[in-house]
Amino acid sequence: MRTVFLLMLILVAKPSLAIEPDKVSHFAGSSALGLVADSVAYHTATQMGPGERMAVSSGVALVPGFIIECVDEFSGYHFSWADLLADALGAGTGSVAGELLNGQFWISASGRQVRLIGHW
């Protein structure tokens, strides 16, 4: 319990420096793209399983972020691996949200476990 309290105190102590606004915009944009890409794949690529759909939609959602970072490199800014990481996390989150919204996964919580359950 003390560990949780200390972690909460650390996170609350400097909320303005916790996450840069640039990373939030990268995460949010890639999340939206991942959600859209997974929903399109769900309704068009019926032969794909959920794992394949999530991998493909995450990859598709990551492409614009990679292109933006390449343009940044050649336009005088620097290529940011942290921005690309935020893009990747957002793309994965969006594709999982797409599967949840399209009815392939359910979140099951019992006791000390939280699991994703789906019909394959």
N, C-alpha and C. Protein backbone atom coordinates (compact mmCIF):
# COMPACT_ATOMS: atom_id res chain seq x y z
N MET A 1 0.82 -1.19 0.00
CA MET A 1 0.00 0.00 0.00
C MET A 1 0.87 1.26 0.00
N ARG A 2 1.98 1.20 0.75
CA ARG A 2 2.87 2.35 0.79
C ARG A 2 3.48 2.62 -0.59
N THR A 3 3.78 1.54 -1.31
CA THR A 3 4.36 1.70 -2.63
C THR A 3 3.39 2.40 -3.57
N VAL A 4 2.14 1.99 -3.52
CA VAL A 4 1.12 2.63 -4.37
C VAL A 4 0.98 4.10 -4.00
N PHE A 5 0.97 4.40 -2.71
CA PHE A 5 0.85 5.78 -2.27
C PHE A 5 2.04 6.61 -2.75
N LEU A 6 3.25 6.07 -2.66
CA LEU A 6 4.43 6.81 -3.11
C LEU A 6 4.41 7.02 -4.62
N LEU A 7 3.99 6.01 -5.36
CA LEU A 7 3.89 6.17 -6.81
C LEU A 7 2.87 7.23 -7.19
N MET A 8 1.74 7.23 -6.51
CA MET A 8 0.72 8.25 -6.77
C MET A 8 1.26 9.64 -6.43
N LEU A 9 1.98 9.74 -5.34
CA LEU A 9 2.54 11.03 -4.93
C LEU A 9 3.55 11.53 -5.96
N ILE A 10 4.37 10.64 -6.49
CA ILE A 10 5.34 11.03 -7.51
C ILE A 10 4.64 11.50 -8.77
N LEU A 11 3.60 10.79 -9.18
CA LEU A 11 2.89 11.16 -10.40
C LEU A 11 2.11 12.46 -10.25
N VAL A 12 1.60 12.72 -9.06
CA VAL A 12 0.81 13.93 -8.83
C VAL A 12 1.71 15.14 -8.57
N ALA A 13 2.94 14.91 -8.14
CA ALA A 13 3.81 16.01 -7.74
C ALA A 13 4.10 16.98 -8.89
N LYS A 14 4.34 16.47 -10.09
CA LYS A 14 4.65 17.33 -11.22
C LYS A 14 3.85 16.90 -12.44
N PRO A 15 2.55 17.12 -12.42
CA PRO A 15 1.74 16.65 -13.55
C PRO A 15 2.04 17.38 -14.85
N SER A 16 2.51 18.63 -14.78
CA SER A 16 2.76 19.37 -16.01
C SER A 16 3.98 18.85 -16.75
N LEU A 17 4.89 18.18 -16.07
CA LEU A 17 6.08 17.66 -16.70
C LEU A 17 6.00 16.16 -16.97
N ALA A 18 4.89 15.55 -16.62
CA ALA A 18 4.78 14.10 -16.75
C ALA A 18 4.81 13.66 -18.21
N ILE A 19 4.00 14.28 -19.04
CA ILE A 19 3.92 13.90 -20.45
C ILE A 19 3.89 15.19 -21.27
N GLU A 20 4.76 15.24 -22.27
CA GLU A 20 4.79 16.43 -23.13
C GLU A 20 3.55 16.47 -24.02
N PRO A 21 3.04 17.66 -24.31
CA PRO A 21 1.85 17.76 -25.17
C PRO A 21 2.08 17.17 -26.56
N ASP A 22 3.31 17.22 -27.05
CA ASP A 22 3.63 16.66 -28.35
C ASP A 22 3.40 15.14 -28.36
N LYS A 23 3.78 14.49 -27.28
CA LYS A 23 3.60 13.03 -27.20
C LYS A 23 2.13 12.67 -27.11
N VAL A 24 1.36 13.49 -26.42
CA VAL A 24 -0.08 13.25 -26.31
C VAL A 24 -0.73 13.36 -27.67
N SER A 25 -0.32 14.34 -28.47
CA SER A 25 -0.92 14.48 -29.80
C SER A 25 -0.52 13.32 -30.71
N HIS A 26 0.72 12.84 -30.60
CA HIS A 26 1.13 11.67 -31.38
C HIS A 26 0.32 10.44 -30.96
N PHE A 27 0.17 10.25 -29.66
CA PHE A 27 -0.59 9.10 -29.15
C PHE A 27 -2.05 9.17 -29.59
N ALA A 28 -2.66 10.33 -29.45
CA ALA A 28 -4.08 10.48 -29.79
C ALA A 28 -4.32 10.29 -31.29
N GLY A 29 -3.47 10.87 -32.11
CA GLY A 29 -3.63 10.71 -33.55
C GLY A 29 -3.47 9.28 -34.00
N SER A 30 -2.47 8.59 -33.47
CA SER A 30 -2.26 7.19 -33.84
C SER A 30 -3.35 6.30 -33.27
N SER A 31 -3.89 6.65 -32.11
CA SER A 31 -5.00 5.87 -31.56
C SER A 31 -6.22 5.95 -32.47
N ALA A 32 -6.51 7.15 -32.93
CA ALA A 32 -7.65 7.31 -33.84
C ALA A 32 -7.42 6.54 -35.14
N LEU A 33 -6.21 6.63 -35.68
CA LEU A 33 -5.90 5.90 -36.91
C LEU A 33 -5.97 4.39 -36.69
N GLY A 34 -5.48 3.91 -35.54
CA GLY A 34 -5.55 2.48 -35.24
C GLY A 34 -6.97 1.99 -35.10
N LEU A 35 -7.82 2.79 -34.48
CA LEU A 35 -9.23 2.44 -34.33
C LEU A 35 -9.92 2.36 -35.69
N VAL A 36 -9.68 3.35 -36.53
CA VAL A 36 -10.29 3.35 -37.87
C VAL A 36 -9.76 2.20 -38.71
N ALA A 37 -8.44 1.99 -38.69
CA ALA A 37 -7.85 0.92 -39.49
C ALA A 37 -8.35 -0.45 -39.04
N ASP A 38 -8.49 -0.66 -37.74
CA ASP A 38 -8.98 -1.94 -37.25
C ASP A 38 -10.45 -2.14 -37.60
N SER A 39 -11.23 -1.09 -37.52
CA SER A 39 -12.65 -1.21 -37.87
C SER A 39 -12.82 -1.51 -39.36
N VAL A 40 -12.01 -0.87 -40.20
CA VAL A 40 -12.07 -1.17 -41.64
C VAL A 40 -11.64 -2.61 -41.90
N ALA A 41 -10.57 -3.05 -41.25
CA ALA A 41 -10.10 -4.42 -41.43
C ALA A 41 -11.13 -5.42 -40.91
N TYR A 42 -11.81 -5.09 -39.82
CA TYR A 42 -12.81 -5.99 -39.25
C TYR A 42 -13.96 -6.21 -40.24
N HIS A 43 -14.37 -5.16 -40.91
CA HIS A 43 -15.53 -5.27 -41.79
C HIS A 43 -15.18 -5.69 -43.21
N THR A 44 -13.92 -5.59 -43.61
CA THR A 44 -13.56 -5.95 -44.99
C THR A 44 -12.74 -7.23 -45.08
N ALA A 45 -11.82 -7.45 -44.17
CA ALA A 45 -10.95 -8.63 -44.23
C ALA A 45 -11.48 -9.70 -43.29
N THR A 46 -12.53 -10.38 -43.71
CA THR A 46 -13.18 -11.35 -42.83
C THR A 46 -12.36 -12.62 -42.64
N GLN A 47 -11.38 -12.87 -43.51
CA GLN A 47 -10.57 -14.07 -43.38
C GLN A 47 -9.46 -13.91 -42.33
N MET A 48 -9.23 -12.70 -41.87
CA MET A 48 -8.19 -12.45 -40.87
C MET A 48 -8.71 -12.72 -39.47
N GLY A 49 -7.83 -13.21 -38.63
CA GLY A 49 -8.15 -13.36 -37.22
C GLY A 49 -7.89 -12.06 -36.48
N PRO A 50 -8.29 -11.99 -35.21
CA PRO A 50 -8.09 -10.75 -34.44
C PRO A 50 -6.63 -10.34 -34.30
N GLY A 51 -5.75 -11.31 -34.10
CA GLY A 51 -4.33 -10.98 -33.97
C GLY A 51 -3.76 -10.39 -35.24
N GLU A 52 -4.13 -10.98 -36.36
CA GLU A 52 -3.67 -10.46 -37.65
C GLU A 52 -4.23 -9.07 -37.91
N ARG A 53 -5.50 -8.89 -37.60
CA ARG A 53 -6.12 -7.57 -37.80
C ARG A 53 -5.44 -6.51 -36.95
N MET A 54 -5.16 -6.85 -35.69
CA MET A 54 -4.52 -5.86 -34.81
C MET A 54 -3.11 -5.54 -35.29
N ALA A 55 -2.38 -6.55 -35.76
CA ALA A 55 -1.02 -6.31 -36.25
C ALA A 55 -1.05 -5.43 -37.50
N VAL A 56 -1.94 -5.75 -38.43
CA VAL A 56 -2.02 -4.97 -39.67
C VAL A 56 -2.49 -3.55 -39.39
N SER A 57 -3.53 -3.40 -38.57
CA SER A 57 -4.05 -2.06 -38.30
C SER A 57 -3.06 -1.22 -37.50
N SER A 58 -2.31 -1.84 -36.61
CA SER A 58 -1.27 -1.09 -35.88
C SER A 58 -0.18 -0.63 -36.83
N GLY A 59 0.21 -1.50 -37.74
CA GLY A 59 1.22 -1.13 -38.73
C GLY A 59 0.76 -0.01 -39.64
N VAL A 60 -0.49 -0.10 -40.10
CA VAL A 60 -1.04 0.94 -40.97
C VAL A 60 -1.12 2.27 -40.21
N ALA A 61 -1.52 2.22 -38.95
CA ALA A 61 -1.65 3.45 -38.16
C ALA A 61 -0.29 4.04 -37.80
N LEU A 62 0.76 3.24 -37.82
CA LEU A 62 2.09 3.72 -37.48
C LEU A 62 2.77 4.42 -38.66
N VAL A 63 2.35 4.12 -39.88
CA VAL A 63 2.99 4.68 -41.08
C VAL A 63 2.96 6.22 -41.10
N PRO A 64 1.81 6.88 -40.86
CA PRO A 64 1.84 8.35 -40.89
C PRO A 64 2.79 8.96 -39.85
N GLY A 65 2.88 8.37 -38.67
CA GLY A 65 3.80 8.87 -37.66
C GLY A 65 5.25 8.74 -38.10
N PHE A 66 5.57 7.62 -38.75
CA PHE A 66 6.92 7.42 -39.26
C PHE A 66 7.24 8.44 -40.36
N ILE A 67 6.27 8.68 -41.24
CA ILE A 67 6.47 9.66 -42.31
C ILE A 67 6.68 11.05 -41.72
N ILE A 68 5.90 11.40 -40.70
CA ILE A 68 6.06 12.71 -40.06
C ILE A 68 7.46 12.85 -39.46
N GLU A 69 7.95 11.79 -38.83
CA GLU A 69 9.29 11.85 -38.24
C GLU A 69 10.37 11.95 -39.32
N CYS A 70 10.20 11.28 -40.44
CA CYS A 70 11.16 11.40 -41.55
C CYS A 70 11.15 12.82 -42.12
N VAL A 71 9.97 13.40 -42.26
CA VAL A 71 9.88 14.79 -42.74
C VAL A 71 10.54 15.73 -41.74
N ASP A 72 10.34 15.48 -40.44
CA ASP A 72 11.00 16.30 -39.42
C ASP A 72 12.52 16.23 -39.55
N GLU A 73 13.04 15.05 -39.83
CA GLU A 73 14.49 14.88 -39.96
C GLU A 73 15.05 15.71 -41.11
N PHE A 74 14.34 15.74 -42.22
CA PHE A 74 14.85 16.43 -43.40
C PHE A 74 14.47 17.91 -43.46
N SER A 75 13.63 18.36 -42.55
CA SER A 75 13.23 19.77 -42.57
C SER A 75 13.90 20.59 -41.48
N GLY A 76 14.93 20.06 -40.87
CA GLY A 76 15.66 20.83 -39.88
C GLY A 76 15.40 20.43 -38.45
N TYR A 77 14.32 19.70 -38.19
CA TYR A 77 14.08 19.18 -36.84
C TYR A 77 14.78 17.84 -36.73
N HIS A 78 14.66 17.18 -35.64
CA HIS A 78 15.32 15.89 -35.49
C HIS A 78 14.29 14.76 -35.46
N PHE A 79 14.73 13.59 -35.85
CA PHE A 79 13.90 12.39 -35.78
C PHE A 79 13.76 12.03 -34.31
N SER A 80 12.54 11.92 -33.83
CA SER A 80 12.32 11.67 -32.41
C SER A 80 11.82 10.24 -32.20
N TRP A 81 12.66 9.43 -31.57
CA TRP A 81 12.24 8.06 -31.26
C TRP A 81 11.14 8.06 -30.21
N ALA A 82 11.12 9.06 -29.34
CA ALA A 82 10.06 9.14 -28.33
C ALA A 82 8.71 9.42 -28.99
N ASP A 83 8.70 10.27 -30.01
CA ASP A 83 7.46 10.51 -30.75
C ASP A 83 7.00 9.24 -31.46
N LEU A 84 7.95 8.51 -32.03
CA LEU A 84 7.61 7.27 -32.72
C LEU A 84 7.09 6.22 -31.73
N LEU A 85 7.65 6.21 -30.52
CA LEU A 85 7.14 5.31 -29.48
C LEU A 85 5.72 5.68 -29.09
N ALA A 86 5.44 6.97 -28.97
CA ALA A 86 4.07 7.41 -28.66
C ALA A 86 3.13 7.02 -29.80
N ASP A 87 3.60 7.12 -31.04
CA ASP A 87 2.80 6.67 -32.18
C ASP A 87 2.51 5.18 -32.11
N ALA A 88 3.53 4.39 -31.78
CA ALA A 88 3.36 2.94 -31.71
C ALA A 88 2.40 2.54 -30.59
N LEU A 89 2.55 3.16 -29.43
CA LEU A 89 1.64 2.87 -28.32
C LEU A 89 0.21 3.28 -28.65
N GLY A 90 0.06 4.42 -29.31
CA GLY A 90 -1.27 4.86 -29.71
C GLY A 90 -1.89 3.95 -30.75
N ALA A 91 -1.09 3.51 -31.73
CA ALA A 91 -1.60 2.61 -32.76
C ALA A 91 -2.06 1.29 -32.16
N GLY A 92 -1.27 0.76 -31.22
CA GLY A 92 -1.67 -0.48 -30.55
C GLY A 92 -2.92 -0.31 -29.72
N THR A 93 -3.00 0.80 -29.01
CA THR A 93 -4.18 1.08 -28.20
C THR A 93 -5.42 1.24 -29.07
N GLY A 94 -5.28 1.93 -30.18
CA GLY A 94 -6.41 2.11 -31.09
C GLY A 94 -6.88 0.81 -31.70
N SER A 95 -5.94 -0.08 -32.06
CA SER A 95 -6.36 -1.34 -32.65
C SER A 95 -7.03 -2.25 -31.62
N VAL A 96 -6.55 -2.24 -30.39
CA VAL A 96 -7.23 -3.01 -29.34
C VAL A 96 -8.61 -2.42 -29.07
N ALA A 97 -8.72 -1.10 -29.06
CA ALA A 97 -10.03 -0.47 -28.88
C ALA A 97 -10.96 -0.82 -30.03
N GLY A 98 -10.42 -0.91 -31.24
CA GLY A 98 -11.24 -1.31 -32.38
C GLY A 98 -11.78 -2.72 -32.23
N GLU A 99 -10.96 -3.63 -31.74
CA GLU A 99 -11.43 -5.00 -31.51
C GLU A 99 -12.47 -5.04 -30.39
N LEU A 100 -12.25 -4.24 -29.35
CA LEU A 100 -13.23 -4.19 -28.26
C LEU A 100 -14.56 -3.64 -28.76
N LEU A 101 -14.51 -2.58 -29.55
CA LEU A 101 -15.74 -1.97 -30.04
C LEU A 101 -16.45 -2.84 -31.07
N ASN A 102 -15.70 -3.61 -31.82
CA ASN A 102 -16.32 -4.47 -32.83
C ASN A 102 -16.78 -5.81 -32.27
N GLY A 103 -16.64 -6.01 -30.98
CA GLY A 103 -17.21 -7.18 -30.33
C GLY A 103 -16.36 -8.43 -30.34
N GLN A 104 -15.07 -8.30 -30.54
CA GLN A 104 -14.22 -9.48 -30.56
C GLN A 104 -13.59 -9.78 -29.20
N PHE A 105 -13.44 -8.79 -28.37
CA PHE A 105 -12.83 -8.98 -27.06
C PHE A 105 -13.79 -8.53 -25.97
N TRP A 106 -13.66 -9.16 -24.83
CA TRP A 106 -14.36 -8.71 -23.63
C TRP A 106 -13.34 -8.65 -22.53
N ILE A 107 -13.51 -7.72 -21.63
CA ILE A 107 -12.62 -7.62 -20.49
C ILE A 107 -13.27 -8.36 -19.33
N SER A 108 -12.54 -9.33 -18.78
CA SER A 108 -13.05 -10.13 -17.67
C SER A 108 -12.17 -9.87 -16.45
N ALA A 109 -12.78 -9.45 -15.38
CA ALA A 109 -12.04 -9.19 -14.15
C ALA A 109 -12.63 -10.03 -13.04
N SER A 110 -11.77 -10.82 -12.41
CA SER A 110 -12.21 -11.64 -11.29
C SER A 110 -11.05 -11.78 -10.31
N GLY A 111 -11.31 -11.48 -9.08
CA GLY A 111 -10.28 -11.61 -8.07
C GLY A 111 -9.09 -10.71 -8.37
N ARG A 112 -7.95 -11.33 -8.61
CA ARG A 112 -6.73 -10.58 -8.88
C ARG A 112 -6.37 -10.54 -10.36
N GLN A 113 -7.22 -11.09 -11.21
CA GLN A 113 -6.90 -11.16 -12.63
C GLN A 113 -7.80 -10.27 -13.47
N VAL A 114 -7.21 -9.66 -14.45
CA VAL A 114 -7.95 -8.95 -15.48
C VAL A 114 -7.50 -9.56 -16.81
N ARG A 115 -8.45 -10.13 -17.56
CA ARG A 115 -8.10 -10.82 -18.80
C ARG A 115 -8.92 -10.28 -19.95
N LEU A 116 -8.33 -10.36 -21.13
CA LEU A 116 -9.08 -10.10 -22.35
C LEU A 116 -9.56 -11.45 -22.88
N ILE A 117 -10.84 -11.57 -23.09
CA ILE A 117 -11.43 -12.81 -23.59
C ILE A 117 -12.11 -12.48 -24.90
N GLY A 118 -11.99 -13.36 -25.86
CA GLY A 118 -12.64 -13.12 -27.13
C GLY A 118 -13.07 -14.42 -27.78
N HIS A 119 -13.91 -14.29 -28.78
CA HIS A 119 -14.24 -15.49 -29.55
C HIS A 119 -13.45 -15.43 -30.84
N TRP A 120 -12.75 -16.50 -31.11
CA TRP A 120 -11.82 -16.53 -32.24
C TRP A 120 -12.44 -17.30 -33.37
